[in-house]
Amino acid sequence: MSLIFYNSRPTLELLHDIAHALFSILRSVGIFTHVDGPGRLSLLRDITVTSENLHTTPHLLHFFKKVATHVVAQSDGGHVDLFVPLHACGK
């Protein structure tokens, strides 16, 4: 299953579409994103993920927990991948 979106849409609308698409248990989920700087992933237009705010921002934690509930266990081959273009990381 592929879900393609552009971050110019309102965040709540995008999150609703993602949650709606995750109607079944998946083997893997891949999220393509870019960076706002070292250690800062731009998940959506107005949402940046860092190691500091991942556990302290309720909507970020809820989003990733919700995604994880729709992926089979790691022992069964399940995984969530974040893809960042190498040029965005300075490589």
Protein backbone atom coordinates (compact mmCIF):
# COMPACT_ATOMS: atom_id res chain seq x y z
CA MET A 1 0.00 0.00 0.00
CA SER A 2 1.28 3.47 -0.82
CA LEU A 3 0.04 6.73 0.62
CA ILE A 4 1.49 9.78 -1.06
CA PHE A 5 0.90 13.24 0.29
CA TYR A 6 2.35 16.70 -0.01
CA ASN A 7 3.12 18.72 3.07
CA SER A 8 1.30 21.77 1.74
CA ARG A 9 -2.01 20.37 3.04
CA PRO A 10 -3.10 21.11 6.61
CA THR A 11 -1.40 18.85 9.14
CA LEU A 12 -4.58 17.58 10.75
CA GLU A 13 -5.97 16.61 7.35
CA LEU A 14 -2.78 14.71 6.52
CA LEU A 15 -2.71 12.92 9.85
CA HIS A 16 -6.36 11.93 9.38
CA ASP A 17 -5.58 10.49 5.92
CA ILE A 18 -2.60 8.55 7.29
CA ALA A 19 -4.62 7.16 10.20
CA HIS A 20 -7.45 6.21 7.84
CA ALA A 21 -5.03 4.41 5.48
CA LEU A 22 -3.63 2.35 8.34
CA PHE A 23 -6.68 0.12 8.53
CA SER A 24 -4.77 -3.16 8.66
CA ILE A 25 -1.59 -4.67 10.03
CA LEU A 26 1.35 -3.92 7.75
CA ARG A 27 4.76 -5.57 7.35
CA SER A 28 6.51 -2.22 7.12
CA VAL A 29 5.96 1.51 6.95
CA GLY A 30 8.35 3.86 5.18
CA ILE A 31 8.30 7.60 5.79
CA PHE A 32 10.19 9.82 3.35
CA THR A 33 11.10 13.15 4.85
CA HIS A 34 13.78 15.83 4.92
CA VAL A 35 15.81 17.54 7.62
CA ASP A 36 15.51 21.03 9.09
CA GLY A 37 19.05 20.81 10.43
CA PRO A 38 21.19 18.32 12.34
CA GLY A 39 18.93 16.02 14.35
CA ARG A 40 15.71 17.70 13.12
CA LEU A 41 13.37 15.71 10.86
CA SER A 42 10.60 17.62 9.09
CA LEU A 43 7.71 15.20 9.39
CA LEU A 44 5.20 17.69 7.99
CA ARG A 45 5.20 21.38 7.12
CA ASP A 46 4.70 22.49 10.71
CA ILE A 47 5.97 19.45 12.62
CA THR A 48 9.66 18.89 13.29
CA VAL A 49 10.81 15.79 15.17
CA THR A 50 13.90 15.84 17.40
CA SER A 51 15.17 13.36 19.96
CA GLU A 52 14.13 15.86 22.64
CA ASN A 53 10.53 16.52 21.55
CA LEU A 54 9.67 12.99 20.40
CA HIS A 55 8.90 11.89 23.96
CA THR A 56 7.67 15.22 25.30
CA THR A 57 5.24 16.29 22.56
CA PRO A 58 1.99 14.34 22.98
CA HIS A 59 0.85 14.47 19.32
CA LEU A 60 4.24 13.21 18.05
CA LEU A 61 4.34 10.36 20.52
CA HIS A 62 0.71 9.49 19.72
CA PHE A 63 1.42 9.53 15.96
CA PHE A 64 4.38 7.14 16.16
CA LYS A 65 2.63 4.86 18.66
CA LYS A 66 -0.40 4.74 16.35
CA VAL A 67 1.80 3.86 13.37
CA ALA A 68 3.53 1.16 15.43
CA THR A 69 0.22 -0.47 16.33
CA HIS A 70 -0.35 -1.15 12.63
CA VAL A 71 3.00 -2.86 12.01
CA VAL A 72 3.63 -6.54 12.77
CA ALA A 73 6.10 -7.31 15.55
CA GLN A 74 9.81 -6.93 14.80
CA SER A 75 10.25 -10.65 15.49
CA ASP A 76 7.85 -11.27 12.58
CA GLY A 77 9.75 -8.96 10.24
CA GLY A 78 7.91 -5.71 10.93
CA HIS A 79 9.70 -2.37 10.77
CA VAL A 80 9.26 1.39 10.40
CA ASP A 81 11.83 3.14 8.22
CA LEU A 82 12.61 6.85 7.96
CA PHE A 83 14.18 7.86 4.65
CA VAL A 84 16.07 11.13 4.36
CA PRO A 85 17.78 12.14 1.10
CA LEU A 86 21.56 12.00 1.58
CA HIS A 87 22.06 15.52 0.24
CA ALA A 88 19.73 16.78 2.98
CA CYS A 89 22.05 15.28 5.60
CA GLY A 90 25.14 16.87 4.14
CA LYS A 91 26.50 13.56 2.78
